[in-house]
Amino acid sequence: MKSPKMAMQCQLWMGSLEPNMTESFIMAAFNRLGQRPLAVKVMRNKFTGEPAGYAFVHFQTDEEAIDAMHKLNGKPIPGTFPVVRFRLNTASRETRANMQHEREFSVWVGDLSPDVDDYSLYRVFASKYTSIKTAKVILDNSGYTKGYGFVRFGNEDEQRNALYAMNGYCGLGTKPLKICTAVPKPKSNLTTAQSTSTTSTATYTSGTVLQPIL
């Protein structure tokens, strides 16, 4: 039996909701894309009773929640015109607080072809490294890939290994991957034009590209 702490993590936060997005609408959207959440709770302003613009989506396990986050983040929500895209994150306040204080071990991944999304990027790295936490393909304002993304590790040794082992990797999309260090940008230098991962609290820039070991 899971402890209350673990149960709190079997859910996702979903933001940028339109006022007409009800629990049943959100549940149907997840179902249409092959996900099976247990319940959806749209949060409301305690004074006005109006929707607060976000919801919590509950899953059976942590693995199902993380899988849904990586598969759907940034994708169009079915039934929205104009298109609204999924904005998902882990829902535990404690988890978010820990993310803000823990060290970041991330890599920048370049030369991504248009068919690579968050989920496929995550799956390739997660199949080789056990400490993978998040993977994010950066999109422009129209929802098209910018050709690069970021992968965050929980282990520095694995991050360092990926800098060499995954540089030049073929098997994701149509181009060999280009890998380099992801350097957090100072907050004082951030602008609204810079891309930020929706599943991490840090903003990165690319560092030095390392050549693959032959």
N, C-alpha and C. Protein backbone atom coordinates (compact mmCIF):
# COMPACT_ATOMS: atom_id res chain seq x y z
N MET A 1 0.84 -1.20 0.00
CA MET A 1 0.00 0.00 0.00
C MET A 1 0.88 1.25 0.00
N LYS A 2 0.55 2.20 -0.86
CA LYS A 2 1.37 3.40 -0.98
C LYS A 2 1.11 4.34 0.18
N SER A 3 2.15 5.02 0.57
CA SER A 3 2.01 6.03 1.61
C SER A 3 1.33 7.25 1.03
N PRO A 4 0.74 8.14 1.89
CA PRO A 4 0.12 9.35 1.40
C PRO A 4 1.08 10.20 0.58
N LYS A 5 2.35 10.21 0.96
CA LYS A 5 3.33 11.01 0.22
C LYS A 5 3.44 10.53 -1.21
N MET A 6 3.51 9.19 -1.40
CA MET A 6 3.63 8.66 -2.74
C MET A 6 2.36 8.88 -3.53
N ALA A 7 1.19 8.74 -2.88
CA ALA A 7 -0.07 8.92 -3.58
C ALA A 7 -0.20 10.33 -4.13
N MET A 8 0.37 11.30 -3.42
CA MET A 8 0.32 12.68 -3.89
C MET A 8 1.04 12.86 -5.21
N GLN A 9 1.96 11.93 -5.53
CA GLN A 9 2.74 12.08 -6.74
C GLN A 9 2.10 11.40 -7.95
N CYS A 10 1.01 10.68 -7.75
CA CYS A 10 0.34 10.00 -8.86
C CYS A 10 -0.64 10.94 -9.56
N GLN A 11 -0.22 12.16 -9.77
CA GLN A 11 -1.09 13.13 -10.41
C GLN A 11 -0.25 14.16 -11.16
N LEU A 12 -0.90 14.82 -12.10
CA LEU A 12 -0.27 15.89 -12.86
C LEU A 12 -1.03 17.18 -12.66
N TRP A 13 -0.30 18.28 -12.69
CA TRP A 13 -0.89 19.61 -12.75
C TRP A 13 -1.08 19.94 -14.22
N MET A 14 -2.24 20.47 -14.59
CA MET A 14 -2.53 20.86 -15.97
C MET A 14 -2.94 22.32 -15.98
N GLY A 15 -2.19 23.14 -16.69
CA GLY A 15 -2.44 24.58 -16.69
C GLY A 15 -2.94 25.11 -18.02
N SER A 16 -3.14 26.43 -18.08
CA SER A 16 -3.61 27.15 -19.28
C SER A 16 -4.96 26.64 -19.76
N LEU A 17 -5.85 26.34 -18.82
CA LEU A 17 -7.18 25.85 -19.18
C LEU A 17 -8.10 26.99 -19.58
N GLU A 18 -8.93 26.74 -20.59
CA GLU A 18 -9.98 27.68 -20.97
C GLU A 18 -11.16 27.51 -20.01
N PRO A 19 -11.98 28.55 -19.83
CA PRO A 19 -13.10 28.48 -18.88
C PRO A 19 -14.09 27.36 -19.17
N ASN A 20 -14.21 26.96 -20.45
CA ASN A 20 -15.19 25.93 -20.80
C ASN A 20 -14.65 24.51 -20.70
N MET A 21 -13.43 24.35 -20.22
CA MET A 21 -12.85 23.01 -20.10
C MET A 21 -13.27 22.38 -18.77
N THR A 22 -14.22 21.49 -18.84
CA THR A 22 -14.75 20.82 -17.65
C THR A 22 -13.95 19.54 -17.36
N GLU A 23 -14.26 18.92 -16.21
CA GLU A 23 -13.61 17.65 -15.88
C GLU A 23 -13.86 16.60 -16.96
N SER A 24 -15.09 16.52 -17.44
CA SER A 24 -15.41 15.51 -18.45
C SER A 24 -14.71 15.79 -19.77
N PHE A 25 -14.58 17.07 -20.13
CA PHE A 25 -13.88 17.44 -21.36
C PHE A 25 -12.41 17.03 -21.28
N ILE A 26 -11.77 17.32 -20.15
CA ILE A 26 -10.35 16.99 -19.98
C ILE A 26 -10.15 15.48 -19.96
N MET A 27 -11.02 14.77 -19.26
CA MET A 27 -10.94 13.31 -19.21
C MET A 27 -11.05 12.73 -20.62
N ALA A 28 -12.00 13.25 -21.41
CA ALA A 28 -12.19 12.77 -22.77
C ALA A 28 -10.98 13.06 -23.64
N ALA A 29 -10.34 14.21 -23.43
CA ALA A 29 -9.15 14.57 -24.20
C ALA A 29 -8.02 13.59 -23.93
N PHE A 30 -7.80 13.26 -22.67
CA PHE A 30 -6.77 12.27 -22.33
C PHE A 30 -7.11 10.91 -22.93
N ASN A 31 -8.38 10.51 -22.83
CA ASN A 31 -8.79 9.20 -23.34
C ASN A 31 -8.59 9.09 -24.85
N ARG A 32 -8.88 10.18 -25.57
CA ARG A 32 -8.74 10.17 -27.03
C ARG A 32 -7.29 9.98 -27.45
N LEU A 33 -6.36 10.34 -26.57
CA LEU A 33 -4.94 10.20 -26.88
C LEU A 33 -4.31 8.99 -26.20
N GLY A 34 -5.17 8.06 -25.77
CA GLY A 34 -4.68 6.79 -25.26
C GLY A 34 -4.29 6.76 -23.80
N GLN A 35 -4.62 7.81 -23.05
CA GLN A 35 -4.29 7.86 -21.62
C GLN A 35 -5.54 7.58 -20.80
N ARG A 36 -5.36 6.97 -19.63
CA ARG A 36 -6.50 6.56 -18.81
C ARG A 36 -6.37 7.09 -17.38
N PRO A 37 -6.55 8.41 -17.19
CA PRO A 37 -6.51 8.94 -15.82
C PRO A 37 -7.70 8.43 -15.02
N LEU A 38 -7.54 8.38 -13.70
CA LEU A 38 -8.62 7.94 -12.82
C LEU A 38 -9.64 9.04 -12.58
N ALA A 39 -9.17 10.28 -12.48
CA ALA A 39 -10.07 11.40 -12.17
C ALA A 39 -9.41 12.71 -12.56
N VAL A 40 -10.26 13.72 -12.74
CA VAL A 40 -9.80 15.08 -13.04
C VAL A 40 -10.51 16.04 -12.11
N LYS A 41 -9.78 16.97 -11.54
CA LYS A 41 -10.36 17.98 -10.66
C LYS A 41 -9.97 19.37 -11.15
N VAL A 42 -10.94 20.11 -11.70
CA VAL A 42 -10.70 21.49 -12.12
C VAL A 42 -10.81 22.38 -10.89
N MET A 43 -9.79 23.16 -10.62
CA MET A 43 -9.78 24.02 -9.45
C MET A 43 -10.52 25.33 -9.73
N ARG A 44 -11.17 25.86 -8.69
CA ARG A 44 -11.98 27.07 -8.84
C ARG A 44 -11.57 28.13 -7.83
N ASN A 45 -11.79 29.37 -8.22
CA ASN A 45 -11.54 30.49 -7.33
C ASN A 45 -12.48 30.39 -6.14
N LYS A 46 -11.93 30.40 -4.93
CA LYS A 46 -12.76 30.17 -3.75
C LYS A 46 -13.71 31.33 -3.46
N PHE A 47 -13.47 32.48 -4.07
CA PHE A 47 -14.35 33.63 -3.84
C PHE A 47 -15.43 33.76 -4.91
N THR A 48 -15.06 33.51 -6.17
CA THR A 48 -16.02 33.70 -7.27
C THR A 48 -16.65 32.41 -7.75
N GLY A 49 -15.99 31.28 -7.48
CA GLY A 49 -16.48 30.01 -7.98
C GLY A 49 -16.13 29.75 -9.43
N GLU A 50 -15.45 30.70 -10.07
CA GLU A 50 -15.07 30.54 -11.47
C GLU A 50 -13.83 29.64 -11.58
N PRO A 51 -13.67 28.96 -12.74
CA PRO A 51 -12.48 28.12 -12.93
C PRO A 51 -11.20 28.93 -12.76
N ALA A 52 -10.21 28.33 -12.09
CA ALA A 52 -8.96 29.03 -11.80
C ALA A 52 -7.92 28.88 -12.90
N GLY A 53 -8.25 28.12 -13.95
CA GLY A 53 -7.33 27.98 -15.07
C GLY A 53 -6.39 26.80 -14.99
N TYR A 54 -6.57 25.95 -13.98
CA TYR A 54 -5.72 24.76 -13.88
C TYR A 54 -6.50 23.63 -13.23
N ALA A 55 -5.95 22.42 -13.37
CA ALA A 55 -6.61 21.23 -12.83
C ALA A 55 -5.56 20.24 -12.37
N PHE A 56 -6.02 19.24 -11.63
CA PHE A 56 -5.17 18.12 -11.24
C PHE A 56 -5.73 16.85 -11.88
N VAL A 57 -4.85 16.09 -12.51
CA VAL A 57 -5.25 14.87 -13.20
C VAL A 57 -4.62 13.69 -12.46
N HIS A 58 -5.45 12.79 -11.96
CA HIS A 58 -4.99 11.70 -11.11
C HIS A 58 -4.84 10.41 -11.91
N PHE A 59 -3.76 9.66 -11.64
CA PHE A 59 -3.48 8.40 -12.32
C PHE A 59 -3.32 7.28 -11.30
N GLN A 60 -3.30 6.05 -11.81
CA GLN A 60 -3.16 4.89 -10.94
C GLN A 60 -1.77 4.80 -10.34
N THR A 61 -0.74 5.14 -11.13
CA THR A 61 0.64 5.02 -10.65
C THR A 61 1.45 6.25 -11.06
N ASP A 62 2.60 6.41 -10.41
CA ASP A 62 3.53 7.48 -10.80
C ASP A 62 3.99 7.30 -12.24
N GLU A 63 4.24 6.04 -12.62
CA GLU A 63 4.74 5.76 -13.96
C GLU A 63 3.75 6.19 -15.03
N GLU A 64 2.45 5.95 -14.79
CA GLU A 64 1.43 6.36 -15.76
C GLU A 64 1.38 7.88 -15.88
N ALA A 65 1.52 8.57 -14.76
CA ALA A 65 1.48 10.04 -14.77
C ALA A 65 2.67 10.60 -15.55
N ILE A 66 3.87 10.10 -15.28
CA ILE A 66 5.07 10.58 -15.97
C ILE A 66 4.99 10.25 -17.46
N ASP A 67 4.51 9.06 -17.78
CA ASP A 67 4.37 8.65 -19.18
C ASP A 67 3.44 9.59 -19.92
N ALA A 68 2.30 9.93 -19.31
CA ALA A 68 1.35 10.84 -19.94
C ALA A 68 1.95 12.23 -20.12
N MET A 69 2.70 12.69 -19.12
CA MET A 69 3.31 14.02 -19.21
C MET A 69 4.26 14.11 -20.40
N HIS A 70 5.09 13.10 -20.57
CA HIS A 70 6.07 13.14 -21.66
C HIS A 70 5.42 12.91 -23.02
N LYS A 71 4.35 12.13 -23.07
CA LYS A 71 3.69 11.88 -24.35
C LYS A 71 2.88 13.09 -24.83
N LEU A 72 2.25 13.81 -23.90
CA LEU A 72 1.27 14.82 -24.29
C LEU A 72 1.74 16.26 -24.19
N ASN A 73 2.76 16.54 -23.38
CA ASN A 73 3.18 17.93 -23.19
C ASN A 73 3.45 18.61 -24.53
N GLY A 74 2.81 19.76 -24.75
CA GLY A 74 3.02 20.54 -25.97
C GLY A 74 2.16 20.12 -27.14
N LYS A 75 1.43 19.02 -27.01
CA LYS A 75 0.58 18.56 -28.10
C LYS A 75 -0.79 19.23 -28.02
N PRO A 76 -1.50 19.38 -29.16
CA PRO A 76 -2.83 19.99 -29.15
C PRO A 76 -3.82 19.19 -28.31
N ILE A 77 -4.65 19.89 -27.56
CA ILE A 77 -5.73 19.24 -26.82
C ILE A 77 -6.89 19.00 -27.77
N PRO A 78 -7.33 17.75 -27.95
CA PRO A 78 -8.42 17.46 -28.88
C PRO A 78 -9.67 18.28 -28.56
N GLY A 79 -10.29 18.81 -29.61
CA GLY A 79 -11.54 19.54 -29.43
C GLY A 79 -11.39 21.01 -29.12
N THR A 80 -10.17 21.56 -29.23
CA THR A 80 -9.96 22.98 -28.96
C THR A 80 -9.76 23.75 -30.26
N PHE A 81 -10.51 24.83 -30.44
CA PHE A 81 -10.42 25.71 -31.61
C PHE A 81 -10.57 27.15 -31.14
N PRO A 82 -9.53 28.01 -31.30
CA PRO A 82 -8.20 27.66 -31.82
C PRO A 82 -7.49 26.68 -30.90
N VAL A 83 -6.43 26.10 -31.41
CA VAL A 83 -5.74 25.03 -30.70
C VAL A 83 -5.15 25.51 -29.38
N VAL A 84 -5.42 24.76 -28.32
CA VAL A 84 -4.77 24.93 -27.02
C VAL A 84 -3.91 23.70 -26.79
N ARG A 85 -2.70 23.88 -26.30
CA ARG A 85 -1.78 22.76 -26.14
C ARG A 85 -1.69 22.31 -24.67
N PHE A 86 -1.43 21.03 -24.49
CA PHE A 86 -1.26 20.49 -23.15
C PHE A 86 -0.09 21.18 -22.45
N ARG A 87 -0.33 21.62 -21.23
CA ARG A 87 0.71 22.16 -20.37
C ARG A 87 0.66 21.38 -19.07
N LEU A 88 1.57 20.42 -18.93
CA LEU A 88 1.53 19.47 -17.82
C LEU A 88 2.80 19.53 -17.00
N ASN A 89 2.67 19.28 -15.72
CA ASN A 89 3.83 19.22 -14.83
C ASN A 89 3.50 18.30 -13.67
N THR A 90 4.52 17.87 -12.95
CA THR A 90 4.26 17.09 -11.75
C THR A 90 3.52 17.95 -10.74
N ALA A 91 2.63 17.33 -9.97
CA ALA A 91 1.71 18.10 -9.15
C ALA A 91 2.15 18.27 -7.71
N SER A 92 3.13 17.50 -7.25
CA SER A 92 3.52 17.57 -5.84
C SER A 92 4.27 18.86 -5.53
N ARG A 93 3.79 19.62 -4.57
CA ARG A 93 4.48 20.83 -4.16
C ARG A 93 5.88 20.52 -3.64
N GLU A 94 5.97 19.41 -2.91
CA GLU A 94 7.27 19.01 -2.36
C GLU A 94 8.25 18.69 -3.48
N THR A 95 7.74 18.01 -4.53
CA THR A 95 8.60 17.68 -5.66
C THR A 95 9.11 18.94 -6.33
N ARG A 96 8.23 19.93 -6.51
CA ARG A 96 8.66 21.18 -7.15
C ARG A 96 9.68 21.90 -6.30
N ALA A 97 9.48 21.90 -5.00
CA ALA A 97 10.43 22.57 -4.11
C ALA A 97 11.79 21.89 -4.18
N ASN A 98 11.77 20.55 -4.24
CA ASN A 98 13.03 19.83 -4.33
C ASN A 98 13.74 20.11 -5.64
N MET A 99 12.98 20.26 -6.74
CA MET A 99 13.56 20.55 -8.04
C MET A 99 14.28 21.88 -8.04
N GLN A 100 13.77 22.84 -7.27
CA GLN A 100 14.37 24.15 -7.24
C GLN A 100 15.71 24.15 -6.50
N HIS A 101 15.92 23.17 -5.60
CA HIS A 101 17.12 23.17 -4.78
C HIS A 101 18.15 22.12 -5.21
N GLU A 102 17.72 21.10 -5.95
CA GLU A 102 18.67 20.07 -6.32
C GLU A 102 19.54 20.53 -7.49
N ARG A 103 20.72 19.91 -7.59
CA ARG A 103 21.62 20.25 -8.68
C ARG A 103 21.06 19.76 -10.01
N GLU A 104 21.36 20.51 -11.05
CA GLU A 104 20.87 20.18 -12.38
C GLU A 104 21.98 19.50 -13.17
N PHE A 105 21.70 18.31 -13.70
CA PHE A 105 22.63 17.61 -14.58
C PHE A 105 21.92 17.43 -15.91
N SER A 106 22.13 18.35 -16.83
CA SER A 106 21.37 18.35 -18.07
C SER A 106 22.28 18.41 -19.29
N VAL A 107 21.74 17.93 -20.42
CA VAL A 107 22.43 18.05 -21.69
C VAL A 107 21.52 18.74 -22.69
N TRP A 108 22.14 19.47 -23.59
CA TRP A 108 21.46 20.08 -24.73
C TRP A 108 21.53 19.09 -25.88
N VAL A 109 20.41 18.85 -26.55
CA VAL A 109 20.35 17.90 -27.66
C VAL A 109 19.95 18.65 -28.92
N GLY A 110 20.84 18.68 -29.90
CA GLY A 110 20.58 19.43 -31.13
C GLY A 110 20.42 18.54 -32.34
N ASP A 111 20.10 19.18 -33.47
CA ASP A 111 19.86 18.51 -34.75
C ASP A 111 18.69 17.53 -34.66
N LEU A 112 17.66 17.89 -33.91
CA LEU A 112 16.46 17.06 -33.82
C LEU A 112 15.61 17.27 -35.07
N SER A 113 15.19 16.20 -35.69
CA SER A 113 14.32 16.30 -36.86
C SER A 113 12.89 16.60 -36.42
N PRO A 114 12.03 17.08 -37.33
CA PRO A 114 10.68 17.51 -36.96
C PRO A 114 9.80 16.44 -36.33
N ASP A 115 10.12 15.16 -36.57
CA ASP A 115 9.29 14.08 -36.04
C ASP A 115 9.61 13.72 -34.60
N VAL A 116 10.63 14.33 -34.01
CA VAL A 116 11.01 14.02 -32.63
C VAL A 116 10.20 14.87 -31.66
N ASP A 117 9.51 14.23 -30.72
CA ASP A 117 8.75 14.96 -29.70
C ASP A 117 9.30 14.64 -28.31
N ASP A 118 8.67 15.20 -27.28
CA ASP A 118 9.13 14.99 -25.90
C ASP A 118 9.24 13.50 -25.56
N TYR A 119 8.21 12.76 -25.94
CA TYR A 119 8.14 11.36 -25.54
C TYR A 119 9.24 10.53 -26.19
N SER A 120 9.44 10.70 -27.50
CA SER A 120 10.46 9.91 -28.18
C SER A 120 11.86 10.27 -27.68
N LEU A 121 12.09 11.55 -27.40
CA LEU A 121 13.37 11.97 -26.83
C LEU A 121 13.58 11.34 -25.46
N TYR A 122 12.54 11.36 -24.64
CA TYR A 122 12.61 10.76 -23.31
C TYR A 122 12.88 9.26 -23.38
N ARG A 123 12.18 8.57 -24.25
CA ARG A 123 12.29 7.11 -24.32
C ARG A 123 13.69 6.67 -24.75
N VAL A 124 14.30 7.38 -25.69
CA VAL A 124 15.64 7.01 -26.15
C VAL A 124 16.65 7.11 -25.02
N PHE A 125 16.61 8.22 -24.29
CA PHE A 125 17.57 8.39 -23.20
C PHE A 125 17.24 7.50 -22.01
N ALA A 126 15.94 7.34 -21.70
CA ALA A 126 15.54 6.51 -20.56
C ALA A 126 15.86 5.04 -20.79
N SER A 127 15.95 4.62 -22.04
CA SER A 127 16.30 3.22 -22.33
C SER A 127 17.77 2.94 -22.05
N LYS A 128 18.57 3.99 -21.91
CA LYS A 128 20.00 3.84 -21.71
C LYS A 128 20.47 4.33 -20.34
N TYR A 129 19.70 5.23 -19.73
CA TYR A 129 20.11 5.83 -18.45
C TYR A 129 18.94 5.79 -17.47
N THR A 130 19.18 5.27 -16.28
CA THR A 130 18.10 5.07 -15.32
C THR A 130 17.71 6.33 -14.55
N SER A 131 18.54 7.37 -14.60
CA SER A 131 18.27 8.55 -13.78
C SER A 131 17.56 9.67 -14.54
N ILE A 132 17.12 9.40 -15.78
CA ILE A 132 16.46 10.44 -16.58
C ILE A 132 15.22 10.95 -15.85
N LYS A 133 15.08 12.26 -15.76
CA LYS A 133 13.94 12.88 -15.09
C LYS A 133 12.97 13.53 -16.08
N THR A 134 13.48 14.34 -16.97
CA THR A 134 12.61 15.01 -17.93
C THR A 134 13.32 15.13 -19.27
N ALA A 135 12.52 15.26 -20.33
CA ALA A 135 13.04 15.53 -21.67
C ALA A 135 12.09 16.51 -22.33
N LYS A 136 12.63 17.52 -22.97
CA LYS A 136 11.79 18.57 -23.54
C LYS A 136 12.33 19.02 -24.88
N VAL A 137 11.50 18.93 -25.93
CA VAL A 137 11.81 19.50 -27.23
C VAL A 137 11.27 20.92 -27.25
N ILE A 138 12.09 21.89 -27.58
CA ILE A 138 11.68 23.29 -27.56
C ILE A 138 10.90 23.63 -28.82
N LEU A 139 9.74 24.25 -28.64
CA LEU A 139 8.86 24.61 -29.75
C LEU A 139 8.80 26.12 -29.92
N ASP A 140 8.48 26.56 -31.14
CA ASP A 140 8.27 27.99 -31.36
C ASP A 140 6.82 28.33 -31.02
N ASN A 141 6.44 29.58 -31.23
CA ASN A 141 5.09 30.03 -30.86
C ASN A 141 3.99 29.36 -31.66
N SER A 142 4.35 28.77 -32.80
CA SER A 142 3.37 28.09 -33.64
C SER A 142 3.29 26.60 -33.34
N GLY A 143 4.11 26.13 -32.40
CA GLY A 143 4.09 24.73 -32.04
C GLY A 143 5.02 23.85 -32.85
N TYR A 144 5.89 24.46 -33.64
CA TYR A 144 6.85 23.69 -34.43
C TYR A 144 8.19 23.61 -33.70
N THR A 145 8.87 22.49 -33.87
CA THR A 145 10.14 22.30 -33.18
C THR A 145 11.20 23.28 -33.66
N LYS A 146 12.03 23.70 -32.72
CA LYS A 146 13.18 24.55 -33.06
C LYS A 146 14.42 23.71 -33.38
N GLY A 147 14.28 22.40 -33.31
CA GLY A 147 15.38 21.53 -33.67
C GLY A 147 16.33 21.19 -32.54
N TYR A 148 15.95 21.54 -31.32
CA TYR A 148 16.79 21.18 -30.18
C TYR A 148 15.92 20.98 -28.95
N GLY A 149 16.53 20.40 -27.92
CA GLY A 149 15.80 20.18 -26.68
C GLY A 149 16.79 19.95 -25.54
N PHE A 150 16.24 19.56 -24.38
CA PHE A 150 17.06 19.35 -23.19
C PHE A 150 16.64 18.06 -22.50
N VAL A 151 17.61 17.36 -21.94
CA VAL A 151 17.35 16.15 -21.16
C VAL A 151 17.98 16.34 -19.80
N ARG A 152 17.21 16.10 -18.74
CA ARG A 152 17.69 16.32 -17.37
C ARG A 152 17.91 14.98 -16.68
N PHE A 153 19.07 14.84 -16.06
CA PHE A 153 19.47 13.62 -15.36
C PHE A 153 19.44 13.84 -13.85
N GLY A 154 19.32 12.74 -13.11
CA GLY A 154 19.44 12.81 -11.66
C GLY A 154 20.81 12.39 -11.18
N ASN A 155 21.66 11.98 -12.13
CA ASN A 155 22.98 11.47 -11.79
C ASN A 155 24.03 12.11 -12.69
N GLU A 156 25.05 12.70 -12.08
CA GLU A 156 26.06 13.43 -12.86
C GLU A 156 26.91 12.50 -13.72
N ASP A 157 27.20 11.30 -13.23
CA ASP A 157 28.01 10.36 -14.00
C ASP A 157 27.29 9.97 -15.30
N GLU A 158 25.97 9.76 -15.21
CA GLU A 158 25.22 9.41 -16.41
C GLU A 158 25.17 10.59 -17.38
N GLN A 159 25.03 11.79 -16.85
CA GLN A 159 25.03 12.97 -17.72
C GLN A 159 26.36 13.09 -18.47
N ARG A 160 27.46 12.87 -17.77
CA ARG A 160 28.78 12.96 -18.40
C ARG A 160 28.96 11.87 -19.44
N ASN A 161 28.48 10.68 -19.14
CA ASN A 161 28.57 9.59 -20.10
C ASN A 161 27.79 9.91 -21.37
N ALA A 162 26.60 10.50 -21.21
CA ALA A 162 25.75 10.82 -22.36
C ALA A 162 26.40 11.85 -23.27
N LEU A 163 27.20 12.75 -22.71
CA LEU A 163 27.87 13.76 -23.52
C LEU A 163 28.72 13.12 -24.61
N TYR A 164 29.32 11.97 -24.30
CA TYR A 164 30.14 11.27 -25.28
C TYR A 164 29.35 10.18 -26.00
N ALA A 165 28.67 9.34 -25.23
CA ALA A 165 28.03 8.16 -25.80
C ALA A 165 26.88 8.50 -26.73
N MET A 166 26.16 9.59 -26.46
CA MET A 166 24.99 9.93 -27.27
C MET A 166 25.30 10.96 -28.35
N ASN A 167 26.49 11.53 -28.35
CA ASN A 167 26.85 12.49 -29.39
C ASN A 167 27.09 11.73 -30.70
N GLY A 168 26.35 12.09 -31.74
CA GLY A 168 26.42 11.37 -33.00
C GLY A 168 25.49 10.17 -33.06
N TYR A 169 24.68 9.96 -32.02
CA TYR A 169 23.76 8.82 -31.97
C TYR A 169 22.77 8.86 -33.13
N CYS A 170 22.61 7.73 -33.81
CA CYS A 170 21.62 7.58 -34.87
C CYS A 170 20.56 6.59 -34.39
N GLY A 171 19.32 6.93 -34.58
CA GLY A 171 18.25 6.06 -34.11
C GLY A 171 17.10 6.84 -33.53
N LEU A 172 17.22 8.17 -33.55
CA LEU A 172 16.12 9.04 -33.12
C LEU A 172 15.93 10.08 -34.22
N GLY A 173 14.81 10.03 -34.91
CA GLY A 173 14.60 10.94 -36.01
C GLY A 173 15.47 10.58 -37.21
N THR A 174 15.78 11.58 -38.02
CA THR A 174 16.49 11.33 -39.27
C THR A 174 17.92 11.86 -39.28
N LYS A 175 18.37 12.45 -38.17
CA LYS A 175 19.71 13.03 -38.12
C LYS A 175 20.49 12.49 -36.92
N PRO A 176 21.82 12.44 -37.03
CA PRO A 176 22.63 12.11 -35.85
C PRO A 176 22.47 13.21 -34.80
N LEU A 177 22.39 12.81 -33.54
CA LEU A 177 22.21 13.79 -32.48
C LEU A 177 23.50 14.56 -32.21
N LYS A 178 23.34 15.80 -31.83
CA LYS A 178 24.46 16.62 -31.39
C LYS A 178 24.24 16.91 -29.90
N ILE A 179 25.20 16.57 -29.06
CA ILE A 179 25.05 16.68 -27.62
C ILE A 179 26.10 17.62 -27.04
N CYS A 180 25.70 18.48 -26.13
CA CYS A 180 26.66 19.29 -25.39
C CYS A 180 26.10 19.61 -24.02
N THR A 181 26.90 20.20 -23.18
CA THR A 181 26.45 20.55 -21.84
C THR A 181 25.36 21.61 -21.90
N ALA A 182 24.43 21.53 -20.97
CA ALA A 182 23.38 22.55 -20.85
C ALA A 182 23.72 23.40 -19.64
N VAL A 183 23.99 24.66 -19.88
CA VAL A 183 24.44 25.56 -18.83
C VAL A 183 23.27 26.44 -18.38
N PRO A 184 22.86 26.38 -17.09
CA PRO A 184 21.79 27.26 -16.61
C PRO A 184 22.13 28.72 -16.84
N LYS A 185 21.16 29.48 -17.36
CA LYS A 185 21.38 30.91 -17.57
C LYS A 185 21.08 31.68 -16.30
N PRO A 186 21.86 32.70 -15.98
CA PRO A 186 21.56 33.54 -14.81
C PRO A 186 20.18 34.16 -14.95
N LYS A 187 19.42 34.19 -13.83
CA LYS A 187 18.06 34.73 -13.88
C LYS A 187 18.04 36.18 -14.34
N SER A 188 19.09 36.93 -14.02
CA SER A 188 19.11 38.34 -14.38
C SER A 188 19.18 38.56 -15.87
N ASN A 189 19.57 37.50 -16.63
CA ASN A 189 19.71 37.64 -18.06
C ASN A 189 18.52 37.07 -18.83
N LEU A 190 17.53 36.55 -18.12
CA LEU A 190 16.41 35.93 -18.80
C LEU A 190 15.55 36.97 -19.49
N THR A 191 15.04 36.59 -20.67
CA THR A 191 14.09 37.43 -21.39
C THR A 191 12.92 36.56 -21.80
N THR A 192 11.84 37.19 -22.19
CA THR A 192 10.66 36.42 -22.58
C THR A 192 10.89 35.67 -23.87
N ALA A 193 11.93 36.00 -24.62
CA ALA A 193 12.20 35.32 -25.88
C ALA A 193 12.94 34.01 -25.69
N GLN A 194 13.46 33.75 -24.47
CA GLN A 194 14.21 32.54 -24.25
C GLN A 194 13.27 31.38 -23.97
N SER A 195 13.68 30.18 -24.40
CA SER A 195 12.83 29.00 -24.26
C SER A 195 13.08 28.34 -22.92
N THR A 196 12.00 27.95 -22.26
CA THR A 196 12.09 27.30 -20.97
C THR A 196 11.33 26.00 -21.01
N SER A 197 11.92 24.94 -20.49
CA SER A 197 11.25 23.66 -20.42
C SER A 197 10.06 23.74 -19.49
N THR A 198 8.93 23.13 -19.90
CA THR A 198 7.74 23.14 -19.06
C THR A 198 7.84 22.12 -17.94
N THR A 199 8.85 21.29 -17.97
CA THR A 199 8.97 20.28 -16.94
C THR A 199 10.21 20.47 -16.10
N SER A 200 10.76 21.64 -16.08
CA SER A 200 11.92 21.93 -15.25
C SER A 200 11.87 23.39 -14.86
N THR A 201 12.51 23.72 -13.75
CA THR A 201 12.47 25.09 -13.27
C THR A 201 13.62 25.91 -13.82
N ALA A 202 14.56 25.29 -14.53
CA ALA A 202 15.74 26.01 -15.00
C ALA A 202 15.65 26.35 -16.48
N THR A 203 16.36 27.40 -16.90
CA THR A 203 16.49 27.75 -18.30
C THR A 203 17.94 27.51 -18.70
N TYR A 204 18.15 26.91 -19.88
CA TYR A 204 19.49 26.50 -20.26
C TYR A 204 19.91 27.13 -21.57
N THR A 205 21.21 27.15 -21.76
CA THR A 205 21.82 27.43 -23.05
C THR A 205 22.80 26.32 -23.34
N SER A 206 23.21 26.18 -24.59
CA SER A 206 24.13 25.10 -24.92
C SER A 206 25.55 25.47 -24.55
N GLY A 207 26.36 24.46 -24.26
CA GLY A 207 27.75 24.68 -23.92
C GLY A 207 28.66 24.16 -25.02
N THR A 208 29.71 23.44 -24.66
CA THR A 208 30.67 22.95 -25.63
C THR A 208 30.25 21.60 -26.17
N VAL A 209 30.27 21.47 -27.50
CA VAL A 209 29.94 20.19 -28.13
C VAL A 209 31.13 19.26 -28.00
N LEU A 210 30.87 18.02 -27.57
CA LEU A 210 31.92 17.01 -27.43
C LEU A 210 31.83 16.02 -28.58
N GLN A 211 32.95 15.66 -29.14
CA GLN A 211 32.97 14.71 -30.25
C GLN A 211 32.79 13.29 -29.73
N PRO A 212 32.07 12.46 -30.49
CA PRO A 212 31.88 11.07 -30.05
C PRO A 212 33.18 10.30 -30.06
N ILE A 213 33.30 9.35 -29.13
CA ILE A 213 34.48 8.50 -29.07
C ILE A 213 34.31 7.34 -30.04
N LEU A 214 35.25 7.17 -30.93
CA LEU A 214 35.14 6.12 -31.95
C LEU A 214 35.84 4.85 -31.46
